[in-house]
Amino acid sequence: MSVYETEKILKPILGDDLAWRASRALSKMVSPDGEIPGEFNEDEIEKIRAIAKLSGSFIIGSSSQAICNASDIVPLVADMKYLSHEEMRVIIVDGGNNVLTVNTISVGGANIVSYGRDKVLREVLSAGGRGFFLVHNHPGGSSEPSKEDIVDTRDMRAAASIIGLELLDSCVISRTGFS
């Protein structure tokens, strides 16, 4: 995740100035002992740690987190529950289902997000992934997949298998849960 993307996600939660400073600090890396670089007061550090814990994608070195089931995905994309528009993200994993990266594929409108299968597959291949999870949100509140979601998942799974990749799951997240 780029510094810009991290800042964009943090702004509604932390405010402009703290989001700007936190995204730059987090991009430099949080040390193994959880030390956050930069000059922050204790309250700011606690907010940054809470955000970092919610989304391992902010912390370089979080790639050791293995995804075992759909509920393991939710903390990586928890911010999506509160978006007023739909987004599609891909969680790319290695052969042991260890997270390599979480990338935003597409940003849509209030009730639709479109994306190209080729873009998703290129992202997975360029990250060195063996498999991936797709996640998008439903701002309206229902986490049930639409008929289009089901068809898109089937088509993506088929396209991925042709080039030796595996779509491990496709999830919908909302304020009320995930499926």
C-alpha atoms as a PDB file:
ATOM      1  CA  MET A   1       0.000   0.000   0.000  1.00  0.00           C
ATOM      2  CA  SER A   2       1.425   3.379  -0.970  1.00  0.00           C
ATOM      3  CA  VAL A   3       1.924   6.280   1.430  1.00  0.00           C
ATOM      4  CA  TYR A   4      -0.832   8.130  -0.434  1.00  0.00           C
ATOM      5  CA  GLU A   5      -3.313   5.234  -0.080  1.00  0.00           C
ATOM      6  CA  THR A   6      -2.489   4.829   3.607  1.00  0.00           C
ATOM      7  CA  GLU A   7      -2.982   8.559   4.185  1.00  0.00           C
ATOM      8  CA  LYS A   8      -6.320   8.470   2.327  1.00  0.00           C
ATOM      9  CA  ILE A   9      -7.571   5.674   4.583  1.00  0.00           C
ATOM     10  CA  LEU A  10      -6.295   7.287   7.775  1.00  0.00           C
ATOM     11  CA  LYS A  11      -7.670  10.817   7.135  1.00  0.00           C
ATOM     12  CA  PRO A  12     -11.291  10.172   8.183  1.00  0.00           C
ATOM     13  CA  ILE A  13     -10.102   8.419  11.331  1.00  0.00           C
ATOM     14  CA  LEU A  14      -7.113  10.483  12.448  1.00  0.00           C
ATOM     15  CA  GLY A  15      -7.572  13.857  10.763  1.00  0.00           C
ATOM     16  CA  ASP A  16      -5.428  15.470   8.063  1.00  0.00           C
ATOM     17  CA  ASP A  17      -2.216  16.290   9.936  1.00  0.00           C
ATOM     18  CA  LEU A  18      -1.911  13.088  11.974  1.00  0.00           C
ATOM     19  CA  ALA A  19      -2.858  10.956   8.953  1.00  0.00           C
ATOM     20  CA  TRP A  20      -0.131  12.617   6.893  1.00  0.00           C
ATOM     21  CA  ARG A  21       2.541  12.104   9.572  1.00  0.00           C
ATOM     22  CA  ALA A  22       1.390   8.566  10.449  1.00  0.00           C
ATOM     23  CA  SER A  23       1.311   7.354   6.849  1.00  0.00           C
ATOM     24  CA  ARG A  24       4.869   8.533   6.302  1.00  0.00           C
ATOM     25  CA  ALA A  25       6.076   6.995   9.561  1.00  0.00           C
ATOM     26  CA  LEU A  26       4.332   3.697   8.886  1.00  0.00           C
ATOM     27  CA  SER A  27       5.724   3.576   5.363  1.00  0.00           C
ATOM     28  CA  LYS A  28       9.231   3.621   6.841  1.00  0.00           C
ATOM     29  CA  MET A  29       8.329   0.555   8.898  1.00  0.00           C
ATOM     30  CA  VAL A  30       7.159  -0.262  12.345  1.00  0.00           C
ATOM     31  CA  SER A  31       9.966  -2.095  14.086  1.00  0.00           C
ATOM     32  CA  PRO A  32       9.505  -5.707  15.298  1.00  0.00           C
ATOM     33  CA  ASP A  33       9.021  -4.464  18.867  1.00  0.00           C
ATOM     34  CA  GLY A  34       6.143  -2.220  17.752  1.00  0.00           C
ATOM     35  CA  GLU A  35       8.105   1.032  17.959  1.00  0.00           C
ATOM     36  CA  ILE A  36       6.584   3.755  15.789  1.00  0.00           C
ATOM     37  CA  PRO A  37       9.126   6.123  14.228  1.00  0.00           C
ATOM     38  CA  GLY A  38       8.557   9.867  14.364  1.00  0.00           C
ATOM     39  CA  GLU A  39       7.495  12.347  16.983  1.00  0.00           C
ATOM     40  CA  PHE A  40       3.994  11.570  18.254  1.00  0.00           C
ATOM     41  CA  ASN A  41       2.367  12.088  21.615  1.00  0.00           C
ATOM     42  CA  GLU A  42       1.027   9.073  23.529  1.00  0.00           C
ATOM     43  CA  ASP A  43      -2.565   9.592  22.370  1.00  0.00           C
ATOM     44  CA  GLU A  44      -1.454   9.767  18.732  1.00  0.00           C
ATOM     45  CA  ILE A  45       0.691   6.642  19.128  1.00  0.00           C
ATOM     46  CA  GLU A  46      -2.266   4.697  20.549  1.00  0.00           C
ATOM     47  CA  LYS A  47      -4.461   5.762  17.611  1.00  0.00           C
ATOM     48  CA  ILE A  48      -1.779   4.760  15.109  1.00  0.00           C
ATOM     49  CA  ARG A  49      -1.267   1.388  16.804  1.00  0.00           C
ATOM     50  CA  ALA A  50      -5.026   0.736  16.773  1.00  0.00           C
ATOM     51  CA  ILE A  51      -5.229   1.511  13.056  1.00  0.00           C
ATOM     52  CA  ALA A  52      -2.132  -0.547  12.318  1.00  0.00           C
ATOM     53  CA  LYS A  53      -3.584  -3.487  14.227  1.00  0.00           C
ATOM     54  CA  LEU A  54      -6.830  -3.272  12.244  1.00  0.00           C
ATOM     55  CA  SER A  55      -5.000  -3.360   8.954  1.00  0.00           C
ATOM     56  CA  GLY A  56      -1.788  -5.311   8.684  1.00  0.00           C
ATOM     57  CA  SER A  57      -1.338  -3.781   5.241  1.00  0.00           C
ATOM     58  CA  PHE A  58      -0.064  -0.604   6.911  1.00  0.00           C
ATOM     59  CA  ILE A  59       2.886  -2.380   8.477  1.00  0.00           C
ATOM     60  CA  ILE A  60       5.753  -3.696   6.441  1.00  0.00           C
ATOM     61  CA  GLY A  61       6.560  -7.103   7.829  1.00  0.00           C
ATOM     62  CA  SER A  62       2.948  -8.094   8.474  1.00  0.00           C
ATOM     63  CA  SER A  63       3.187 -10.535   5.593  1.00  0.00           C
ATOM     64  CA  SER A  64       3.652 -13.436   7.985  1.00  0.00           C
ATOM     65  CA  GLN A  65      -0.067 -13.401   8.781  1.00  0.00           C
ATOM     66  CA  ALA A  66      -1.643 -16.516   7.291  1.00  0.00           C
ATOM     67  CA  ILE A  67      -5.243 -16.453   6.139  1.00  0.00           C
ATOM     68  CA  CYS A  68      -7.032 -19.621   7.223  1.00  0.00           C
ATOM     69  CA  ASN A  69     -10.649 -18.594   6.619  1.00  0.00           C
ATOM     70  CA  ALA A  70     -12.831 -15.653   5.658  1.00  0.00           C
ATOM     71  CA  SER A  71     -12.920 -14.292   9.216  1.00  0.00           C
ATOM     72  CA  ASP A  72      -9.132 -13.771   9.007  1.00  0.00           C
ATOM     73  CA  ILE A  73      -9.736 -11.320   6.165  1.00  0.00           C
ATOM     74  CA  VAL A  74     -11.952  -8.911   8.092  1.00  0.00           C
ATOM     75  CA  PRO A  75      -9.206  -7.258  10.204  1.00  0.00           C
ATOM     76  CA  LEU A  76      -7.204  -6.560   7.041  1.00  0.00           C
ATOM     77  CA  VAL A  77     -10.060  -4.609   5.449  1.00  0.00           C
ATOM     78  CA  ALA A  78     -12.093  -3.441   8.458  1.00  0.00           C
ATOM     79  CA  ASP A  79     -12.096   0.163   7.236  1.00  0.00           C
ATOM     80  CA  MET A  80     -14.242  -0.901   4.264  1.00  0.00           C
ATOM     81  CA  LYS A  81     -17.261  -1.323   6.557  1.00  0.00           C
ATOM     82  CA  TYR A  82     -17.484   2.444   6.920  1.00  0.00           C
ATOM     83  CA  LEU A  83     -17.016   3.553   3.323  1.00  0.00           C
ATOM     84  CA  SER A  84     -19.887   5.368   1.600  1.00  0.00           C
ATOM     85  CA  HIS A  85     -18.890   3.906  -1.770  1.00  0.00           C
ATOM     86  CA  GLU A  86     -18.029   0.418  -2.963  1.00  0.00           C
ATOM     87  CA  GLU A  87     -14.410  -0.663  -3.276  1.00  0.00           C
ATOM     88  CA  MET A  88     -12.786  -3.844  -4.515  1.00  0.00           C
ATOM     89  CA  ARG A  89      -9.575  -5.019  -2.860  1.00  0.00           C
ATOM     90  CA  VAL A  90      -7.362  -8.005  -3.429  1.00  0.00           C
ATOM     91  CA  ILE A  91      -5.488  -9.760  -0.635  1.00  0.00           C
ATOM     92  CA  ILE A  92      -2.557 -11.527  -2.258  1.00  0.00           C
ATOM     93  CA  VAL A  93      -1.035 -14.558  -0.541  1.00  0.00           C
ATOM     94  CA  ASP A  94       1.890 -16.895  -1.087  1.00  0.00           C
ATOM     95  CA  GLY A  95       1.656 -20.694  -1.283  1.00  0.00           C
ATOM     96  CA  GLY A  96       1.212 -20.927   2.501  1.00  0.00           C
ATOM     97  CA  ASN A  97      -1.601 -18.346   2.531  1.00  0.00           C
ATOM     98  CA  ASN A  98       0.698 -15.759   4.124  1.00  0.00           C
ATOM     99  CA  VAL A  99      -0.372 -12.231   3.240  1.00  0.00           C
ATOM    100  CA  LEU A 100       1.956 -10.539   0.778  1.00  0.00           C
ATOM    101  CA  THR A 101      -0.071  -7.377   0.209  1.00  0.00           C
ATOM    102  CA  VAL A 102      -3.542  -5.830   0.228  1.00  0.00           C
ATOM    103  CA  ASN A 103      -4.277  -3.646  -2.792  1.00  0.00           C
ATOM    104  CA  THR A 104      -7.252  -1.533  -3.806  1.00  0.00           C
ATOM    105  CA  ILE A 105      -8.276  -2.638  -7.288  1.00  0.00           C
ATOM    106  CA  SER A 106     -11.177  -0.307  -7.960  1.00  0.00           C
ATOM    107  CA  VAL A 107     -13.268   2.427  -6.366  1.00  0.00           C
ATOM    108  CA  GLY A 108     -16.900   2.574  -7.401  1.00  0.00           C
ATOM    109  CA  GLY A 109     -20.121   4.381  -6.612  1.00  0.00           C
ATOM    110  CA  ALA A 110     -22.715   4.016  -3.894  1.00  0.00           C
ATOM    111  CA  ASN A 111     -23.901   0.589  -5.049  1.00  0.00           C
ATOM    112  CA  ILE A 112     -21.528  -0.689  -7.718  1.00  0.00           C
ATOM    113  CA  VAL A 113     -17.855  -1.274  -8.313  1.00  0.00           C
ATOM    114  CA  SER A 114     -16.427  -2.528 -11.573  1.00  0.00           C
ATOM    115  CA  TYR A 115     -13.036  -4.059 -12.117  1.00  0.00           C
ATOM    116  CA  GLY A 116     -11.160  -5.933 -14.782  1.00  0.00           C
ATOM    117  CA  ARG A 117     -10.129  -9.524 -14.186  1.00  0.00           C
ATOM    118  CA  ASP A 118      -6.906  -8.784 -16.038  1.00  0.00           C
ATOM    119  CA  LYS A 119      -6.004  -6.020 -13.562  1.00  0.00           C
ATOM    120  CA  VAL A 120      -6.562  -8.321 -10.579  1.00  0.00           C
ATOM    121  CA  LEU A 121      -4.504 -11.118 -12.103  1.00  0.00           C
ATOM    122  CA  ARG A 122      -1.674  -8.737 -13.028  1.00  0.00           C
ATOM    123  CA  GLU A 123      -1.589  -7.472  -9.422  1.00  0.00           C
ATOM    124  CA  VAL A 124      -1.349 -11.033  -8.089  1.00  0.00           C
ATOM    125  CA  LEU A 125       1.369 -12.030 -10.545  1.00  0.00           C
ATOM    126  CA  SER A 126       3.416  -8.870 -10.010  1.00  0.00           C
ATOM    127  CA  ALA A 127       3.327  -9.400  -6.215  1.00  0.00           C
ATOM    128  CA  GLY A 128       4.554 -12.975  -6.641  1.00  0.00           C
ATOM    129  CA  GLY A 129       1.323 -14.399  -5.281  1.00  0.00           C
ATOM    130  CA  ARG A 130       0.077 -17.941  -5.642  1.00  0.00           C
ATOM    131  CA  GLY A 131      -3.468 -17.188  -4.543  1.00  0.00           C
ATOM    132  CA  PHE A 132      -5.733 -14.313  -3.625  1.00  0.00           C
ATOM    133  CA  PHE A 133      -8.915 -13.251  -1.911  1.00  0.00           C
ATOM    134  CA  LEU A 134     -11.272 -10.647  -3.346  1.00  0.00           C
ATOM    135  CA  VAL A 135     -13.141  -8.369  -0.978  1.00  0.00           C
ATOM    136  CA  HIS A 136     -15.634  -5.659  -1.711  1.00  0.00           C
ATOM    137  CA  ASN A 137     -18.030  -3.750   0.465  1.00  0.00           C
ATOM    138  CA  HIS A 138     -21.748  -3.045   0.375  1.00  0.00           C
ATOM    139  CA  PRO A 139     -22.306   0.424   1.893  1.00  0.00           C
ATOM    140  CA  GLY A 140     -26.056  -0.240   2.036  1.00  0.00           C
ATOM    141  CA  GLY A 141     -25.606  -2.674   4.915  1.00  0.00           C
ATOM    142  CA  SER A 142     -26.250  -6.128   3.456  1.00  0.00           C
ATOM    143  CA  SER A 143     -23.282  -8.442   3.285  1.00  0.00           C
ATOM    144  CA  GLU A 144     -25.109 -10.933   1.061  1.00  0.00           C
ATOM    145  CA  PRO A 145     -23.514 -11.298  -2.370  1.00  0.00           C
ATOM    146  CA  SER A 146     -25.637 -10.192  -5.310  1.00  0.00           C
ATOM    147  CA  LYS A 147     -26.273 -12.421  -8.310  1.00  0.00           C
ATOM    148  CA  GLU A 148     -23.658 -10.377 -10.173  1.00  0.00           C
ATOM    149  CA  ASP A 149     -21.163 -10.924  -7.333  1.00  0.00           C
ATOM    150  CA  ILE A 150     -21.651 -14.690  -7.600  1.00  0.00           C
ATOM    151  CA  VAL A 151     -21.205 -14.687 -11.380  1.00  0.00           C
ATOM    152  CA  ASP A 152     -18.142 -12.419 -11.155  1.00  0.00           C
ATOM    153  CA  THR A 153     -16.571 -14.744  -8.569  1.00  0.00           C
ATOM    154  CA  ARG A 154     -17.174 -17.794 -10.753  1.00  0.00           C
ATOM    155  CA  ASP A 155     -15.670 -16.068 -13.790  1.00  0.00           C
ATOM    156  CA  MET A 156     -12.660 -14.781 -11.823  1.00  0.00           C
ATOM    157  CA  ARG A 157     -11.995 -18.241 -10.382  1.00  0.00           C
ATOM    158  CA  ALA A 158     -12.010 -19.718 -13.897  1.00  0.00           C
ATOM    159  CA  ALA A 159      -9.712 -17.014 -15.286  1.00  0.00           C
ATOM    160  CA  ALA A 160      -7.261 -17.414 -12.395  1.00  0.00           C
ATOM    161  CA  SER A 161      -7.071 -21.180 -12.743  1.00  0.00           C
ATOM    162  CA  ILE A 162      -6.118 -20.868 -16.424  1.00  0.00           C
ATOM    163  CA  ILE A 163      -2.872 -19.137 -15.426  1.00  0.00           C
ATOM    164  CA  GLY A 164      -2.172 -21.266 -12.346  1.00  0.00           C
ATOM    165  CA  LEU A 165      -3.510 -18.920  -9.672  1.00  0.00           C
ATOM    166  CA  GLU A 166      -6.204 -19.678  -7.147  1.00  0.00           C
ATOM    167  CA  LEU A 167      -9.039 -17.407  -6.090  1.00  0.00           C
ATOM    168  CA  LEU A 168      -9.366 -18.673  -2.530  1.00  0.00           C
ATOM    169  CA  ASP A 169     -12.500 -16.757  -1.597  1.00  0.00           C
ATOM    170  CA  SER A 170     -14.545 -13.720  -2.494  1.00  0.00           C
ATOM    171  CA  CYS A 171     -16.090 -11.846   0.414  1.00  0.00           C
ATOM    172  CA  VAL A 172     -18.560  -9.037   0.875  1.00  0.00           C
ATOM    173  CA  ILE A 173     -18.125  -6.837   3.936  1.00  0.00           C
ATOM    174  CA  SER A 174     -20.627  -4.377   5.369  1.00  0.00           C
ATOM    175  CA  ARG A 175     -21.452  -2.667   8.648  1.00  0.00           C
ATOM    176  CA  THR A 176     -23.545  -5.695   9.602  1.00  0.00           C
ATOM    177  CA  GLY A 177     -20.972  -8.402   8.920  1.00  0.00           C
ATOM    178  CA  PHE A 178     -19.358 -10.310   6.080  1.00  0.00           C
ATOM    179  CA  SER A 179     -20.086 -13.265   3.841  1.00  0.00           C
END
